[in-house]
Amino acid sequence: MFLLLGLCILLAAMLLINNIASFFVAVLWHGLRKYARRWSAASRTTFIFTLRIVPVAMGLTAVVLLFAPAYLTHESRTDHEEVSLRLAMVAAFAGVGIGLALLRGLLTWRATSRLSRDWLKHAKEIRLAGIEIPSYEVDHQFPVIAVVGTFRPRLFVASSVLQSLKSNELRAAIQHEAGHLVQGDNLMRGLMRACRDSLLIIPSGRSLDKAWKEASEEAADDFAARTGAGVALDLASSLIKISRMVPAGISPSMPAGAFFVAPNESGAVTSRVRHLLSIADDNTHLSKVRRPNRRVIWLPILLMVIAVAIAATEPHVLAMTHSLIEEVVSVLN
C-alpha cells in the first residue's frame, strides 16, 4: 500500500503541476502573442517550443527531484493509509494521459518508419545541391518535397516537382528544407506532440501549436532567403507552383515531418509568399537571419532542474513538501 499510495500521489502531483503551469503558459502567450509578431521567426519558434514543453518539464522535475524524495523520506511505512477513490481517479486520469503520450510517440515512430520504407521501395536516390542528407525521387500524386524522420532524416521529392520547378526554384525549395534540418523542427514537432497529450493538460496548446507551425515555416523560408533577395523570389515562385499542383482531396500522412506546401493551407501559402516578397523588397531583413540558438531553449529548463535539485538537498524543503502532500491527500480523501 505504501508504494501504491506513493505512485498515486506522484501522478496526481504531476497532473496538478502540469495543469497549473499550462494555465500560466496560456495566459503568458495570450499577452505576448501580438508582441511576438515583431520577433524574428526563429526567435518565435524557439520561444513557443519552450513554452510548450515547460509544463511537462516542470511536472517531471518537481515529482522526480522533490515530491518523490519527500515522500520516501518522511512518509511512514508502518501506517496503512488507504488510497481514496478520488485520489485513485486523479492518478488514473494522469496515467491515461501519460499512456496516450507514449502511445502517440510509438505510433508516430512506426508510421514514419513505414512511410519511409514504402516510399523507398519505389524511390530513386538522387543528389541535390545544398543538402547533405540522403535524397530520393518518388512518384507520388501529391507534390511531395519533405524531410521525413528525426534521427535519420531523408529528403523525398516528387517527380512532378523535379519536372515543374526551374533549377533556381528547386535550389530555393531545398534550402527551405535544409532550414528545417538546422532548426531541428522534426524533433521539436515530436516533443510537442508528446507534451500535447501528456497528462491530458488543458487545451491551451492549440494556438501555440498553430503559431509554432507558422513560425517554423517562416523561419525555414528566412533561412533559405538569407543569401539574397533573388532566392526569396525563387522560393516564392516555387511555393506558388507547388500549391497549384496540390490535387483536391489528397492529404498524405506525414507523421514526423512537414510538407513544403501542406494540403488545404492556401492561406498559409499566401502569407508565406507575401513574407518572401517583403524580404526581396527589404534587403536589411536578410542580415537579421541567424541560426537558432539551442541554449535559449534548454538553458531555462536546465536552470530549473538545478534549482529544484539544490532545494531538494535541504531537509526542511523536503519536510515542507511532505506537509503539502499530506494536505493534498487529505483534500482528496
C-alpha atoms as a PDB file:
ATOM      1  CA  MET A   1       0.000   0.000   0.000  1.00  0.00           C
ATOM      2  CA  PHE A   2       2.942   2.329   0.679  1.00  0.00           C
ATOM      3  CA  LEU A   3       4.173   2.106  -2.913  1.00  0.00           C
ATOM      4  CA  LEU A   4       0.677   2.269  -4.396  1.00  0.00           C
ATOM      5  CA  LEU A   5      -0.172   5.360  -2.372  1.00  0.00           C
ATOM      6  CA  GLY A   6       3.118   6.965  -3.373  1.00  0.00           C
ATOM      7  CA  LEU A   7       2.524   6.241  -7.055  1.00  0.00           C
ATOM      8  CA  CYS A   8      -0.968   7.756  -6.911  1.00  0.00           C
ATOM      9  CA  ILE A   9       0.339  10.845  -5.108  1.00  0.00           C
ATOM     10  CA  LEU A  10       3.134  11.382  -7.628  1.00  0.00           C
ATOM     11  CA  LEU A  11       0.782  11.006 -10.605  1.00  0.00           C
ATOM     12  CA  ALA A  12      -1.670  13.425  -9.027  1.00  0.00           C
ATOM     13  CA  ALA A  13       1.155  15.890  -8.350  1.00  0.00           C
ATOM     14  CA  MET A  14       2.323  15.717 -11.960  1.00  0.00           C
ATOM     15  CA  LEU A  15      -1.197  16.352 -13.203  1.00  0.00           C
ATOM     16  CA  LEU A  16      -1.675  19.304 -10.855  1.00  0.00           C
ATOM     17  CA  ILE A  17       1.672  20.946 -11.624  1.00  0.00           C
ATOM     18  CA  ASN A  18       1.298  20.385 -15.342  1.00  0.00           C
ATOM     19  CA  ASN A  19      -2.164  21.919 -15.475  1.00  0.00           C
ATOM     20  CA  ILE A  20      -1.218  24.936 -13.346  1.00  0.00           C
ATOM     21  CA  ALA A  21       1.874  25.556 -15.466  1.00  0.00           C
ATOM     22  CA  SER A  22      -0.142  25.113 -18.668  1.00  0.00           C
ATOM     23  CA  PHE A  23      -2.654  27.695 -17.475  1.00  0.00           C
ATOM     24  CA  PHE A  24       0.060  30.274 -16.818  1.00  0.00           C
ATOM     25  CA  VAL A  25       1.698  29.460 -20.162  1.00  0.00           C
ATOM     26  CA  ALA A  26      -1.632  30.078 -21.895  1.00  0.00           C
ATOM     27  CA  VAL A  27      -2.027  33.411 -20.097  1.00  0.00           C
ATOM     28  CA  LEU A  28       1.547  34.412 -20.925  1.00  0.00           C
ATOM     29  CA  TRP A  29       1.140  33.531 -24.605  1.00  0.00           C
ATOM     30  CA  HIS A  30      -2.160  35.406 -24.787  1.00  0.00           C
ATOM     31  CA  GLY A  31      -0.398  38.504 -23.516  1.00  0.00           C
ATOM     32  CA  LEU A  32       2.698  38.173 -25.694  1.00  0.00           C
ATOM     33  CA  ARG A  33       1.167  36.815 -28.910  1.00  0.00           C
ATOM     34  CA  LYS A  34       0.807  40.160 -30.699  1.00  0.00           C
ATOM     35  CA  TYR A  35       4.143  41.440 -29.404  1.00  0.00           C
ATOM     36  CA  ALA A  36       5.888  38.238 -30.544  1.00  0.00           C
ATOM     37  CA  ARG A  37       4.948  39.005 -34.156  1.00  0.00           C
ATOM     38  CA  ARG A  38       7.718  41.631 -34.078  1.00  0.00           C
ATOM     39  CA  TRP A  39      10.346  38.993 -33.311  1.00  0.00           C
ATOM     40  CA  SER A  40      12.235  37.014 -35.917  1.00  0.00           C
ATOM     41  CA  ALA A  41      10.596  33.764 -36.972  1.00  0.00           C
ATOM     42  CA  ALA A  42      13.459  31.732 -35.476  1.00  0.00           C
ATOM     43  CA  SER A  43      13.031  33.506 -32.123  1.00  0.00           C
ATOM     44  CA  ARG A  44       9.279  32.860 -32.156  1.00  0.00           C
ATOM     45  CA  THR A  45       9.830  29.189 -32.975  1.00  0.00           C
ATOM     46  CA  THR A  46      12.246  28.789 -30.075  1.00  0.00           C
ATOM     47  CA  PHE A  47      10.085  30.723 -27.626  1.00  0.00           C
ATOM     48  CA  ILE A  48       6.860  28.877 -28.482  1.00  0.00           C
ATOM     49  CA  PHE A  49       8.562  25.485 -28.290  1.00  0.00           C
ATOM     50  CA  THR A  50       9.969  26.364 -24.871  1.00  0.00           C
ATOM     51  CA  LEU A  51       6.532  27.426 -23.642  1.00  0.00           C
ATOM     52  CA  ARG A  52       5.055  24.188 -24.975  1.00  0.00           C
ATOM     53  CA  ILE A  53       7.390  21.836 -23.130  1.00  0.00           C
ATOM     54  CA  VAL A  54       7.906  23.793 -19.896  1.00  0.00           C
ATOM     55  CA  PRO A  55       4.725  22.483 -18.151  1.00  0.00           C
ATOM     56  CA  VAL A  56       5.739  18.858 -18.670  1.00  0.00           C
ATOM     57  CA  ALA A  57       9.346  19.620 -17.731  1.00  0.00           C
ATOM     58  CA  MET A  58       8.197  21.326 -14.525  1.00  0.00           C
ATOM     59  CA  GLY A  59       5.957  18.411 -13.602  1.00  0.00           C
ATOM     60  CA  LEU A  60       8.644  15.789 -14.179  1.00  0.00           C
ATOM     61  CA  THR A  61      11.328  17.807 -12.400  1.00  0.00           C
ATOM     62  CA  ALA A  62       9.207  18.519  -9.332  1.00  0.00           C
ATOM     63  CA  VAL A  63       7.983  14.928  -8.999  1.00  0.00           C
ATOM     64  CA  VAL A  64      11.332  13.202  -9.587  1.00  0.00           C
ATOM     65  CA  LEU A  65      13.576  15.569  -7.637  1.00  0.00           C
ATOM     66  CA  LEU A  66      11.241  16.895  -4.932  1.00  0.00           C
ATOM     67  CA  PHE A  67       7.979  15.042  -4.339  1.00  0.00           C
ATOM     68  CA  ALA A  68       9.371  11.513  -4.640  1.00  0.00           C
ATOM     69  CA  PRO A  69      12.291  12.125  -2.220  1.00  0.00           C
ATOM     70  CA  ALA A  70       9.953  13.921   0.213  1.00  0.00           C
ATOM     71  CA  TYR A  71       7.509  11.017   0.207  1.00  0.00           C
ATOM     72  CA  LEU A  72      10.202   8.343   0.562  1.00  0.00           C
ATOM     73  CA  THR A  73      11.988  10.267   3.322  1.00  0.00           C
ATOM     74  CA  HIS A  74       9.076  11.369   5.528  1.00  0.00           C
ATOM     75  CA  GLU A  75       6.158   9.036   4.838  1.00  0.00           C
ATOM     76  CA  SER A  76       5.754   6.348   7.492  1.00  0.00           C
ATOM     77  CA  ARG A  77       5.924   2.797   6.178  1.00  0.00           C
ATOM     78  CA  THR A  78       4.127   1.410   9.222  1.00  0.00           C
ATOM     79  CA  ASP A  79       0.836   3.255   8.647  1.00  0.00           C
ATOM     80  CA  HIS A  80      -1.527   1.527   6.252  1.00  0.00           C
ATOM     81  CA  GLU A  81      -3.134   4.577   4.714  1.00  0.00           C
ATOM     82  CA  GLU A  82      -5.579   3.625   2.001  1.00  0.00           C
ATOM     83  CA  VAL A  83      -5.876   5.148  -1.456  1.00  0.00           C
ATOM     84  CA  SER A  84      -9.149   7.055  -1.640  1.00  0.00           C
ATOM     85  CA  LEU A  85     -11.427   6.800  -4.659  1.00  0.00           C
ATOM     86  CA  ARG A  86     -10.884  10.431  -5.615  1.00  0.00           C
ATOM     87  CA  LEU A  87      -7.098  10.121  -5.400  1.00  0.00           C
ATOM     88  CA  ALA A  88      -7.220   6.930  -7.455  1.00  0.00           C
ATOM     89  CA  MET A  89      -9.363   8.640 -10.110  1.00  0.00           C
ATOM     90  CA  VAL A  90      -6.988  11.621 -10.367  1.00  0.00           C
ATOM     91  CA  ALA A  91      -3.993   9.276 -10.605  1.00  0.00           C
ATOM     92  CA  ALA A  92      -5.759   7.186 -13.252  1.00  0.00           C
ATOM     93  CA  PHE A  93      -6.538  10.323 -15.255  1.00  0.00           C
ATOM     94  CA  ALA A  94      -2.867  11.294 -15.164  1.00  0.00           C
ATOM     95  CA  GLY A  95      -1.820   7.758 -16.046  1.00  0.00           C
ATOM     96  CA  VAL A  96      -4.083   7.743 -19.095  1.00  0.00           C
ATOM     97  CA  GLY A  97      -2.533  10.998 -20.264  1.00  0.00           C
ATOM     98  CA  ILE A  98       0.991   9.619 -19.937  1.00  0.00           C
ATOM     99  CA  GLY A  99      -0.087   6.455 -21.718  1.00  0.00           C
ATOM    100  CA  LEU A 100      -1.531   8.461 -24.593  1.00  0.00           C
ATOM    101  CA  ALA A 101       1.690  10.452 -24.904  1.00  0.00           C
ATOM    102  CA  LEU A 102       3.776   7.269 -25.044  1.00  0.00           C
ATOM    103  CA  LEU A 103       1.338   5.667 -27.467  1.00  0.00           C
ATOM    104  CA  ARG A 104       1.371   8.690 -29.766  1.00  0.00           C
ATOM    105  CA  GLY A 105       5.165   8.662 -29.761  1.00  0.00           C
ATOM    106  CA  LEU A 106       5.252   4.957 -30.614  1.00  0.00           C
ATOM    107  CA  LEU A 107       2.647   5.282 -33.350  1.00  0.00           C
ATOM    108  CA  THR A 108       4.432   8.293 -34.827  1.00  0.00           C
ATOM    109  CA  TRP A 109       7.715   6.392 -34.922  1.00  0.00           C
ATOM    110  CA  ARG A 110       6.107   3.332 -36.532  1.00  0.00           C
ATOM    111  CA  ALA A 111       4.169   5.398 -39.050  1.00  0.00           C
ATOM    112  CA  THR A 112       7.296   7.328 -40.014  1.00  0.00           C
ATOM    113  CA  SER A 113       9.288   4.125 -40.453  1.00  0.00           C
ATOM    114  CA  ARG A 114       6.507   2.577 -42.529  1.00  0.00           C
ATOM    115  CA  LEU A 115       6.169   5.681 -44.686  1.00  0.00           C
ATOM    116  CA  SER A 116       9.913   5.814 -45.352  1.00  0.00           C
ATOM    117  CA  ARG A 117      10.006   2.103 -46.231  1.00  0.00           C
ATOM    118  CA  ASP A 118       7.034   2.409 -48.579  1.00  0.00           C
ATOM    119  CA  TRP A 119       8.498   5.399 -50.382  1.00  0.00           C
ATOM    120  CA  LEU A 120      11.980   3.869 -50.548  1.00  0.00           C
ATOM    121  CA  LYS A 121      10.638   0.766 -52.315  1.00  0.00           C
ATOM    122  CA  HIS A 122       9.849   2.823 -55.398  1.00  0.00           C
ATOM    123  CA  ALA A 123      12.291   5.705 -54.905  1.00  0.00           C
ATOM    124  CA  LYS A 124      15.390   6.602 -56.849  1.00  0.00           C
ATOM    125  CA  GLU A 125      18.314   8.086 -54.967  1.00  0.00           C
ATOM    126  CA  ILE A 126      19.366  11.481 -56.269  1.00  0.00           C
ATOM    127  CA  ARG A 127      21.916  14.118 -55.386  1.00  0.00           C
ATOM    128  CA  LEU A 128      20.720  17.642 -54.695  1.00  0.00           C
ATOM    129  CA  ALA A 129      22.936  20.626 -54.051  1.00  0.00           C
ATOM    130  CA  GLY A 130      22.540  22.384 -50.733  1.00  0.00           C
ATOM    131  CA  ILE A 131      21.549  19.436 -48.552  1.00  0.00           C
ATOM    132  CA  GLU A 132      23.654  16.608 -47.155  1.00  0.00           C
ATOM    133  CA  ILE A 133      21.082  14.023 -46.062  1.00  0.00           C
ATOM    134  CA  PRO A 134      20.081  11.134 -48.378  1.00  0.00           C
ATOM    135  CA  SER A 135      17.662  12.386 -51.032  1.00  0.00           C
ATOM    136  CA  TYR A 136      15.196  10.426 -53.146  1.00  0.00           C
ATOM    137  CA  GLU A 137      12.883  10.988 -56.065  1.00  0.00           C
ATOM    138  CA  VAL A 138       9.436   9.419 -55.624  1.00  0.00           C
ATOM    139  CA  ASP A 139       6.494   9.049 -57.975  1.00  0.00           C
ATOM    140  CA  HIS A 140       3.626  10.440 -55.914  1.00  0.00           C
ATOM    141  CA  GLN A 141       0.282  12.061 -56.673  1.00  0.00           C
ATOM    142  CA  PHE A 142       0.996  14.775 -54.132  1.00  0.00           C
ATOM    143  CA  PRO A 143       3.791  17.266 -54.944  1.00  0.00           C
ATOM    144  CA  VAL A 144       5.935  15.948 -52.133  1.00  0.00           C
ATOM    145  CA  ILE A 145       9.039  17.783 -51.030  1.00  0.00           C
ATOM    146  CA  ALA A 146       9.711  16.999 -47.388  1.00  0.00           C
ATOM    147  CA  VAL A 147      12.276  15.897 -44.857  1.00  0.00           C
ATOM    148  CA  VAL A 148      10.982  12.742 -43.168  1.00  0.00           C
ATOM    149  CA  GLY A 149      12.385  11.355 -39.935  1.00  0.00           C
ATOM    150  CA  THR A 150      14.080  12.740 -36.841  1.00  0.00           C
ATOM    151  CA  PHE A 151      17.340  10.935 -36.147  1.00  0.00           C
ATOM    152  CA  ARG A 152      17.905   9.570 -39.666  1.00  0.00           C
ATOM    153  CA  PRO A 153      16.150  12.157 -41.829  1.00  0.00           C
ATOM    154  CA  ARG A 154      15.672  11.668 -45.547  1.00  0.00           C
ATOM    155  CA  LEU A 155      14.543  14.115 -48.181  1.00  0.00           C
ATOM    156  CA  PHE A 156      11.813  12.963 -50.578  1.00  0.00           C
ATOM    157  CA  VAL A 157      10.933  14.938 -53.690  1.00  0.00           C
ATOM    158  CA  ALA A 158       8.125  14.015 -56.083  1.00  0.00           C
ATOM    159  CA  SER A 159       8.982  13.561 -59.749  1.00  0.00           C
ATOM    160  CA  SER A 160       6.365  16.165 -60.640  1.00  0.00           C
ATOM    161  CA  VAL A 161       8.184  18.734 -58.500  1.00  0.00           C
ATOM    162  CA  LEU A 162      11.542  17.994 -60.101  1.00  0.00           C
ATOM    163  CA  GLN A 163       9.990  18.359 -63.553  1.00  0.00           C
ATOM    164  CA  SER A 164       7.997  21.512 -62.810  1.00  0.00           C
ATOM    165  CA  LEU A 165      10.470  23.683 -60.937  1.00  0.00           C
ATOM    166  CA  LYS A 166      13.332  25.523 -62.532  1.00  0.00           C
ATOM    167  CA  SER A 167      16.787  24.785 -61.154  1.00  0.00           C
ATOM    168  CA  ASN A 168      16.926  28.001 -59.146  1.00  0.00           C
ATOM    169  CA  GLU A 169      13.414  27.414 -57.731  1.00  0.00           C
ATOM    170  CA  LEU A 170      14.348  23.857 -56.749  1.00  0.00           C
ATOM    171  CA  ARG A 171      17.509  25.068 -55.018  1.00  0.00           C
ATOM    172  CA  ALA A 172      15.477  27.580 -53.031  1.00  0.00           C
ATOM    173  CA  ALA A 173      12.953  24.901 -52.004  1.00  0.00           C
ATOM    174  CA  ILE A 174      15.776  22.567 -50.964  1.00  0.00           C
ATOM    175  CA  GLN A 175      17.266  25.340 -48.856  1.00  0.00           C
ATOM    176  CA  HIS A 176      13.906  25.708 -47.134  1.00  0.00           C
ATOM    177  CA  GLU A 177      14.049  22.022 -46.162  1.00  0.00           C
ATOM    178  CA  ALA A 178      17.653  22.494 -45.043  1.00  0.00           C
ATOM    179  CA  GLY A 179      16.339  25.226 -42.761  1.00  0.00           C
ATOM    180  CA  HIS A 180      14.031  22.716 -41.074  1.00  0.00           C
ATOM    181  CA  LEU A 181      17.038  20.443 -40.514  1.00  0.00           C
ATOM    182  CA  VAL A 182      19.127  23.243 -38.995  1.00  0.00           C
ATOM    183  CA  GLN A 183      16.269  24.192 -36.671  1.00  0.00           C
ATOM    184  CA  GLY A 184      15.631  20.569 -35.646  1.00  0.00           C
ATOM    185  CA  ASP A 185      11.941  21.013 -36.422  1.00  0.00           C
ATOM    186  CA  ASN A 186      11.085  17.310 -36.697  1.00  0.00           C
ATOM    187  CA  LEU A 187      12.411  16.656 -33.194  1.00  0.00           C
ATOM    188  CA  MET A 188      10.593  19.707 -31.861  1.00  0.00           C
ATOM    189  CA  ARG A 189       7.384  18.584 -33.537  1.00  0.00           C
ATOM    190  CA  GLY A 190       7.649  15.120 -31.956  1.00  0.00           C
ATOM    191  CA  LEU A 191       8.293  16.518 -28.475  1.00  0.00           C
ATOM    192  CA  MET A 192       5.394  18.935 -28.800  1.00  0.00           C
ATOM    193  CA  ARG A 193       3.074  16.085 -29.793  1.00  0.00           C
ATOM    194  CA  ALA A 194       4.084  14.182 -26.676  1.00  0.00           C
ATOM    195  CA  CYS A 195       3.627  17.242 -24.468  1.00  0.00           C
ATOM    196  CA  ARG A 196       0.214  17.855 -26.019  1.00  0.00           C
ATOM    197  CA  ASP A 197      -1.146  14.565 -24.731  1.00  0.00           C
ATOM    198  CA  SER A 198       0.938  14.125 -21.617  1.00  0.00           C
ATOM    199  CA  LEU A 199      -1.264  14.217 -18.524  1.00  0.00           C
ATOM    200  CA  LEU A 200      -4.255  15.388 -20.586  1.00  0.00           C
ATOM    201  CA  ILE A 201      -3.398  19.018 -19.965  1.00  0.00           C
ATOM    202  CA  ILE A 202      -5.925  21.747 -20.524  1.00  0.00           C
ATOM    203  CA  PRO A 203      -6.447  22.606 -24.202  1.00  0.00           C
ATOM    204  CA  SER A 204      -4.180  25.646 -24.075  1.00  0.00           C
ATOM    205  CA  GLY A 205      -1.724  24.349 -26.621  1.00  0.00           C
ATOM    206  CA  ARG A 206      -3.773  24.523 -29.810  1.00  0.00           C
ATOM    207  CA  SER A 207      -2.982  28.160 -30.515  1.00  0.00           C
ATOM    208  CA  LEU A 208       0.649  27.504 -29.558  1.00  0.00           C
ATOM    209  CA  ASP A 209       0.856  24.546 -31.951  1.00  0.00           C
ATOM    210  CA  LYS A 210      -0.558  26.613 -34.796  1.00  0.00           C
ATOM    211  CA  ALA A 211       1.701  29.561 -34.034  1.00  0.00           C
ATOM    212  CA  TRP A 212       4.756  27.286 -33.858  1.00  0.00           C
ATOM    213  CA  LYS A 213       3.939  25.701 -37.218  1.00  0.00           C
ATOM    214  CA  GLU A 214       3.582  29.106 -38.868  1.00  0.00           C
ATOM    215  CA  ALA A 215       6.779  30.394 -37.241  1.00  0.00           C
ATOM    216  CA  SER A 216       8.804  27.290 -38.156  1.00  0.00           C
ATOM    217  CA  GLU A 217       7.807  27.569 -41.828  1.00  0.00           C
ATOM    218  CA  GLU A 218       8.624  31.276 -41.863  1.00  0.00           C
ATOM    219  CA  ALA A 219      11.968  30.599 -40.172  1.00  0.00           C
ATOM    220  CA  ALA A 220      12.814  27.970 -42.804  1.00  0.00           C
ATOM    221  CA  ASP A 221      11.856  30.475 -45.513  1.00  0.00           C
ATOM    222  CA  ASP A 222      14.136  33.049 -43.869  1.00  0.00           C
ATOM    223  CA  PHE A 223      16.958  30.510 -43.786  1.00  0.00           C
ATOM    224  CA  ALA A 224      16.550  29.827 -47.498  1.00  0.00           C
ATOM    225  CA  ALA A 225      16.350  33.528 -48.372  1.00  0.00           C
ATOM    226  CA  ARG A 226      19.337  34.531 -46.252  1.00  0.00           C
ATOM    227  CA  THR A 227      21.721  34.506 -49.233  1.00  0.00           C
ATOM    228  CA  GLY A 228      19.901  37.095 -51.295  1.00  0.00           C
ATOM    229  CA  ALA A 229      16.678  38.705 -52.422  1.00  0.00           C
ATOM    230  CA  GLY A 230      16.700  36.637 -55.606  1.00  0.00           C
ATOM    231  CA  VAL A 231      16.437  33.425 -53.596  1.00  0.00           C
ATOM    232  CA  ALA A 232      13.420  34.824 -51.766  1.00  0.00           C
ATOM    233  CA  LEU A 233      11.715  35.424 -55.108  1.00  0.00           C
ATOM    234  CA  ASP A 234      12.661  31.940 -56.328  1.00  0.00           C
ATOM    235  CA  LEU A 235      11.228  30.413 -53.171  1.00  0.00           C
ATOM    236  CA  ALA A 236       8.008  32.392 -53.541  1.00  0.00           C
ATOM    237  CA  SER A 237       7.728  31.192 -57.131  1.00  0.00           C
ATOM    238  CA  SER A 238       8.242  27.556 -56.095  1.00  0.00           C
ATOM    239  CA  LEU A 239       5.585  27.905 -53.394  1.00  0.00           C
ATOM    240  CA  ILE A 240       3.051  29.184 -55.912  1.00  0.00           C
ATOM    241  CA  LYS A 241       3.866  26.487 -58.461  1.00  0.00           C
ATOM    242  CA  ILE A 242       3.693  23.611 -55.977  1.00  0.00           C
ATOM    243  CA  SER A 243       0.495  24.905 -54.352  1.00  0.00           C
ATOM    244  CA  ARG A 244      -1.159  24.821 -57.772  1.00  0.00           C
ATOM    245  CA  MET A 245      -0.082  21.190 -58.174  1.00  0.00           C
ATOM    246  CA  VAL A 246      -1.807  20.018 -54.988  1.00  0.00           C
ATOM    247  CA  PRO A 247      -4.621  17.642 -56.054  1.00  0.00           C
ATOM    248  CA  ALA A 248      -8.028  18.057 -54.449  1.00  0.00           C
ATOM    249  CA  GLY A 249      -8.977  15.524 -51.802  1.00  0.00           C
ATOM    250  CA  ILE A 250      -5.493  14.035 -51.330  1.00  0.00           C
ATOM    251  CA  SER A 251      -3.767  14.568 -47.996  1.00  0.00           C
ATOM    252  CA  PRO A 252      -0.956  12.030 -47.425  1.00  0.00           C
ATOM    253  CA  SER A 253       0.225  11.289 -43.915  1.00  0.00           C
ATOM    254  CA  MET A 254       3.368  12.976 -42.644  1.00  0.00           C
ATOM    255  CA  PRO A 255       3.888  11.747 -39.043  1.00  0.00           C
ATOM    256  CA  ALA A 256       7.394  13.052 -38.368  1.00  0.00           C
ATOM    257  CA  GLY A 257       7.920  15.675 -40.997  1.00  0.00           C
ATOM    258  CA  ALA A 258       6.264  18.541 -42.785  1.00  0.00           C
ATOM    259  CA  PHE A 259       5.315  19.241 -46.369  1.00  0.00           C
ATOM    260  CA  PHE A 260       6.880  22.161 -48.206  1.00  0.00           C
ATOM    261  CA  VAL A 261       3.292  23.020 -49.111  1.00  0.00           C
ATOM    262  CA  ALA A 262       0.741  21.384 -46.820  1.00  0.00           C
ATOM    263  CA  PRO A 263      -2.671  20.328 -48.186  1.00  0.00           C
ATOM    264  CA  ASN A 264      -5.644  22.634 -47.588  1.00  0.00           C
ATOM    265  CA  GLU A 265      -3.484  25.548 -46.446  1.00  0.00           C
ATOM    266  CA  SER A 266      -3.766  28.092 -49.235  1.00  0.00           C
ATOM    267  CA  GLY A 267      -3.958  30.894 -46.660  1.00  0.00           C
ATOM    268  CA  ALA A 268      -0.604  29.870 -45.193  1.00  0.00           C
ATOM    269  CA  VAL A 269       0.963  29.821 -48.663  1.00  0.00           C
ATOM    270  CA  THR A 270      -0.342  33.325 -49.365  1.00  0.00           C
ATOM    271  CA  SER A 271       1.109  34.586 -46.089  1.00  0.00           C
ATOM    272  CA  ARG A 272       4.495  32.977 -46.799  1.00  0.00           C
ATOM    273  CA  VAL A 273       4.632  34.418 -50.328  1.00  0.00           C
ATOM    274  CA  ARG A 274       3.880  37.894 -49.000  1.00  0.00           C
ATOM    275  CA  HIS A 275       6.613  37.490 -46.398  1.00  0.00           C
ATOM    276  CA  LEU A 276       9.130  36.409 -49.040  1.00  0.00           C
ATOM    277  CA  LEU A 277       8.200  39.342 -51.271  1.00  0.00           C
ATOM    278  CA  SER A 278       8.738  41.686 -48.344  1.00  0.00           C
ATOM    279  CA  ILE A 279      12.187  40.135 -47.838  1.00  0.00           C
ATOM    280  CA  ALA A 280      13.006  40.756 -51.505  1.00  0.00           C
ATOM    281  CA  ASP A 281      11.954  44.392 -51.110  1.00  0.00           C
ATOM    282  CA  ASP A 282      13.839  44.888 -47.847  1.00  0.00           C
ATOM    283  CA  ASN A 283      17.372  43.501 -48.038  1.00  0.00           C
ATOM    284  CA  THR A 284      18.071  44.615 -44.460  1.00  0.00           C
ATOM    285  CA  HIS A 285      15.864  41.726 -43.296  1.00  0.00           C
ATOM    286  CA  LEU A 286      18.439  39.252 -44.619  1.00  0.00           C
ATOM    287  CA  SER A 287      21.137  40.468 -42.240  1.00  0.00           C
ATOM    288  CA  LYS A 288      18.863  39.676 -39.283  1.00  0.00           C
ATOM    289  CA  VAL A 289      18.525  35.975 -40.137  1.00  0.00           C
ATOM    290  CA  ARG A 290      20.593  33.870 -37.740  1.00  0.00           C
ATOM    291  CA  ARG A 291      20.862  30.231 -36.849  1.00  0.00           C
ATOM    292  CA  PRO A 292      18.646  29.318 -33.870  1.00  0.00           C
ATOM    293  CA  ASN A 293      20.406  29.233 -30.524  1.00  0.00           C
ATOM    294  CA  ARG A 294      19.666  25.908 -28.812  1.00  0.00           C
ATOM    295  CA  ARG A 295      20.830  27.294 -25.469  1.00  0.00           C
ATOM    296  CA  VAL A 296      17.821  29.607 -25.413  1.00  0.00           C
ATOM    297  CA  ILE A 297      15.598  26.513 -25.323  1.00  0.00           C
ATOM    298  CA  TRP A 298      17.386  24.301 -22.862  1.00  0.00           C
ATOM    299  CA  LEU A 299      19.095  26.808 -20.545  1.00  0.00           C
ATOM    300  CA  PRO A 300      15.944  27.822 -18.582  1.00  0.00           C
ATOM    301  CA  ILE A 301      14.925  24.179 -18.221  1.00  0.00           C
ATOM    302  CA  LEU A 302      18.422  23.218 -17.064  1.00  0.00           C
ATOM    303  CA  LEU A 303      18.450  26.077 -14.557  1.00  0.00           C
ATOM    304  CA  MET A 304      15.060  24.960 -13.252  1.00  0.00           C
ATOM    305  CA  VAL A 305      16.304  21.388 -12.786  1.00  0.00           C
ATOM    306  CA  ILE A 306      19.441  22.571 -10.987  1.00  0.00           C
ATOM    307  CA  ALA A 307      17.436  24.889  -8.717  1.00  0.00           C
ATOM    308  CA  VAL A 308      14.990  22.132  -7.731  1.00  0.00           C
ATOM    309  CA  ALA A 309      17.840  19.650  -7.212  1.00  0.00           C
ATOM    310  CA  ILE A 310      19.645  22.073  -4.889  1.00  0.00           C
ATOM    311  CA  ALA A 311      16.418  22.807  -2.991  1.00  0.00           C
ATOM    312  CA  ALA A 312      15.803  19.072  -2.556  1.00  0.00           C
ATOM    313  CA  THR A 313      19.067  18.738  -0.613  1.00  0.00           C
ATOM    314  CA  GLU A 314      17.626  20.899   2.168  1.00  0.00           C
ATOM    315  CA  PRO A 315      15.824  18.777   4.803  1.00  0.00           C
ATOM    316  CA  HIS A 316      13.318  21.492   5.647  1.00  0.00           C
ATOM    317  CA  VAL A 317      12.301  21.778   1.964  1.00  0.00           C
ATOM    318  CA  LEU A 318      11.549  18.055   1.841  1.00  0.00           C
ATOM    319  CA  ALA A 319       9.622  18.340   5.111  1.00  0.00           C
ATOM    320  CA  MET A 320       7.539  21.213   3.746  1.00  0.00           C
ATOM    321  CA  THR A 321       6.905  19.275   0.538  1.00  0.00           C
ATOM    322  CA  HIS A 322       5.720  16.273   2.541  1.00  0.00           C
ATOM    323  CA  SER A 323       3.383  18.509   4.536  1.00  0.00           C
ATOM    324  CA  LEU A 324       1.961  19.751   1.218  1.00  0.00           C
ATOM    325  CA  ILE A 325       1.492  16.154   0.109  1.00  0.00           C
ATOM    326  CA  GLU A 326      -0.396  15.392   3.285  1.00  0.00           C
ATOM    327  CA  GLU A 327      -2.673  18.395   2.731  1.00  0.00           C
ATOM    328  CA  VAL A 328      -3.441  17.348  -0.829  1.00  0.00           C
ATOM    329  CA  VAL A 329      -4.130  13.750   0.208  1.00  0.00           C
ATOM    330  CA  SER A 330      -6.487  14.925   2.964  1.00  0.00           C
ATOM    331  CA  VAL A 331      -8.406  17.047   0.450  1.00  0.00           C
ATOM    332  CA  LEU A 332      -8.783  14.090  -1.923  1.00  0.00           C
ATOM    333  CA  ASN A 333      -9.829  11.666   0.821  1.00  0.00           C
END
